[in-house]
Protein backbone atom coordinates (compact mmCIF):
# COMPACT_ATOMS: atom_id res chain seq x y z
CA MET A 1 -15.78 -11.01 12.23
CA THR A 2 -19.26 -10.51 10.87
CA GLY A 3 -18.58 -11.52 7.29
CA GLU A 4 -19.49 -8.06 6.02
CA LYS A 5 -17.39 -6.64 3.22
CA THR A 6 -15.59 -3.39 3.85
CA ARG A 7 -17.22 -0.49 2.02
CA PHE A 8 -14.78 2.17 0.88
CA SER A 9 -15.73 5.82 0.50
CA THR A 10 -12.35 7.02 -0.74
CA VAL A 11 -9.32 5.71 -2.57
CA GLU A 12 -7.23 6.50 0.52
CA GLU A 13 -9.44 4.18 2.62
CA TYR A 14 -8.96 1.45 0.04
CA LEU A 15 -5.18 1.93 -0.02
CA GLN A 16 -4.94 1.92 3.77
CA SER A 17 -6.66 -1.48 3.84
CA LEU A 18 -3.82 -3.09 1.86
CA PRO A 19 -0.63 -4.78 3.06
CA ASP A 20 2.47 -2.58 2.65
CA LYS A 21 3.87 -4.27 -0.48
CA ALA A 22 0.56 -4.28 -2.34
CA ARG A 23 -0.11 -0.68 -1.32
CA ALA A 24 3.32 0.48 -2.55
CA VAL A 25 2.84 -1.19 -5.94
CA LEU A 26 -0.73 0.08 -6.29
CA GLU A 27 0.32 3.61 -5.37
CA LYS A 28 2.94 3.51 -8.17
CA LEU A 29 0.25 2.32 -10.57
CA ARG A 30 -2.10 5.07 -9.35
CA GLU A 31 0.60 7.72 -9.77
CA THR A 32 1.34 6.55 -13.32
CA ILE A 33 -2.33 6.66 -14.31
CA HIS A 34 -2.76 10.10 -12.74
CA GLU A 35 0.35 11.48 -14.48
CA THR A 36 -0.90 10.15 -17.82
CA ALA A 37 -4.47 11.39 -17.34
CA PRO A 38 -4.22 14.39 -15.01
CA GLU A 39 -7.72 15.60 -15.97
CA ALA A 40 -9.29 12.29 -14.93
CA GLU A 41 -11.39 12.14 -11.79
CA GLU A 42 -10.44 9.46 -9.27
CA LEU A 43 -13.22 7.65 -7.43
CA ILE A 44 -14.34 4.38 -5.88
CA SER A 45 -16.54 2.28 -8.18
CA TYR A 46 -17.55 -1.32 -7.50
CA GLN A 47 -15.58 -0.92 -4.24
CA ILE A 48 -12.24 -0.49 -6.04
CA PRO A 49 -10.36 2.62 -7.19
CA ALA A 50 -11.06 3.92 -10.67
CA PHE A 51 -10.52 6.91 -12.91
CA ARG A 52 -13.22 8.58 -14.97
CA PHE A 53 -12.46 10.64 -18.07
CA HIS A 54 -15.46 11.29 -20.34
CA GLY A 55 -16.82 8.01 -19.01
CA MET A 56 -15.16 5.28 -16.99
CA LEU A 57 -11.51 5.08 -17.98
CA ILE A 58 -9.81 2.38 -15.93
CA TYR A 59 -10.17 0.47 -12.65
CA TYR A 60 -7.23 -0.68 -10.54
CA SER A 61 -6.98 -2.96 -7.52
CA ALA A 62 -4.63 -5.06 -5.42
CA TYR A 63 -4.72 -8.66 -4.27
CA THR A 64 -2.40 -11.05 -2.44
CA GLN A 65 -0.14 -11.84 -5.39
CA HIS A 66 -0.96 -9.24 -8.02
CA VAL A 67 -2.38 -5.86 -8.95
CA SER A 68 -5.02 -5.59 -11.63
CA LEU A 69 -6.11 -3.13 -14.28
CA SER A 70 -9.68 -3.52 -15.46
CA PHE A 71 -11.39 -1.86 -18.39
CA PRO A 72 -15.01 -1.07 -19.12
CA ALA A 73 -14.37 -1.52 -22.85
CA PHE A 74 -12.85 -4.67 -24.26
CA LYS A 75 -11.16 -3.27 -27.36
CA VAL A 76 -8.05 -2.87 -25.18
CA PHE A 77 -7.56 -6.63 -25.30
CA GLU A 78 -7.53 -6.64 -29.10
CA VAL A 79 -5.19 -3.67 -29.44
CA PHE A 80 -2.71 -4.80 -26.75
CA LYS A 81 -2.99 -8.54 -27.38
CA GLU A 82 0.73 -8.99 -27.99
CA GLU A 83 1.80 -6.78 -25.09
CA PHE A 84 -0.48 -8.75 -22.73
CA THR A 85 1.00 -12.17 -23.52
CA PRO A 86 3.30 -12.25 -20.45
CA TYR A 87 0.40 -11.48 -18.10
CA GLU A 88 -2.59 -13.33 -16.75
CA LEU A 89 -5.86 -12.10 -18.27
CA SER A 90 -9.51 -12.50 -17.50
CA LYS A 91 -12.56 -11.19 -19.35
CA SER A 92 -11.96 -7.54 -18.39
CA THR A 93 -8.70 -7.56 -16.43
CA VAL A 94 -4.95 -7.82 -16.84
CA ARG A 95 -2.95 -8.90 -13.78
CA PHE A 96 0.59 -7.84 -12.91
CA ARG A 97 2.41 -9.91 -10.29
CA LEU A 98 3.56 -8.07 -7.19
CA ASP A 99 6.99 -9.72 -7.33
CA GLU A 100 7.72 -8.43 -10.85
CA PRO A 101 8.36 -4.85 -12.04
CA LEU A 102 5.26 -2.99 -13.21
CA PRO A 103 5.22 -2.38 -16.98
CA LEU A 104 4.69 1.35 -16.52
CA ASP A 105 5.25 2.22 -20.19
CA LEU A 106 2.52 -0.27 -21.11
CA VAL A 107 0.22 1.23 -18.45
CA ARG A 108 0.77 4.70 -19.92
CA GLU A 109 -0.05 3.44 -23.42
CA ILE A 110 -3.22 1.72 -22.19
CA VAL A 111 -4.38 4.87 -20.39
CA LYS A 112 -3.72 7.02 -23.48
CA PHE A 113 -5.61 4.53 -25.63
CA ARG A 114 -8.58 4.46 -23.23
CA MET A 115 -8.67 8.29 -23.09
CA LYS A 116 -8.76 8.47 -26.88
CA GLU A 117 -11.39 5.73 -27.01
CA ASN A 118 -13.63 7.55 -24.50
CA LEU A 119 -13.32 10.84 -26.39
CA GLU A 120 -14.19 9.09 -29.66
CA MET A 121 -17.23 7.38 -28.09
CA GLU A 122 -18.39 10.69 -26.63
CA ALA A 123 -18.00 12.43 -30.00
CA ALA A 124 -19.93 9.65 -31.74
CA LYS A 125 -22.77 9.96 -29.21
CA SER A 126 -22.87 13.74 -29.67
CA LYS A 127 -22.88 13.37 -33.43
CA GLY A 128 -25.71 10.84 -33.21
CA LYS A 129 -27.82 13.20 -31.10
CA LYS A 130 -27.38 16.04 -33.61
CA SER A 131 -28.57 13.94 -36.54
């Protein structure tokens, strides 16, 4: 082993690098995000899967004990503060344990909120340019 990190070109490459359980949970998370934001573009960013919709929408990744959702905007943590209480949080990430059911309704609400937030930020930038 050379100590080099794997560099992923596609989401499929990333998914194939995961153990079966983590991959299955992450694929369910991916499917839920895609169903909620079908117009969003899926890509690799910072070497993890992400979706872009009028700007970066959401990042998702898998680890030994959990899957994570990460957000480029932090307002999510204010809006979903109560809903996030059962989960481990970091500065930009909420973690869902692999051995517990995914809160898919919460994921859908977060994605909808982030889509709305990105559209509002885009509109505000456009309005600012016209002034």
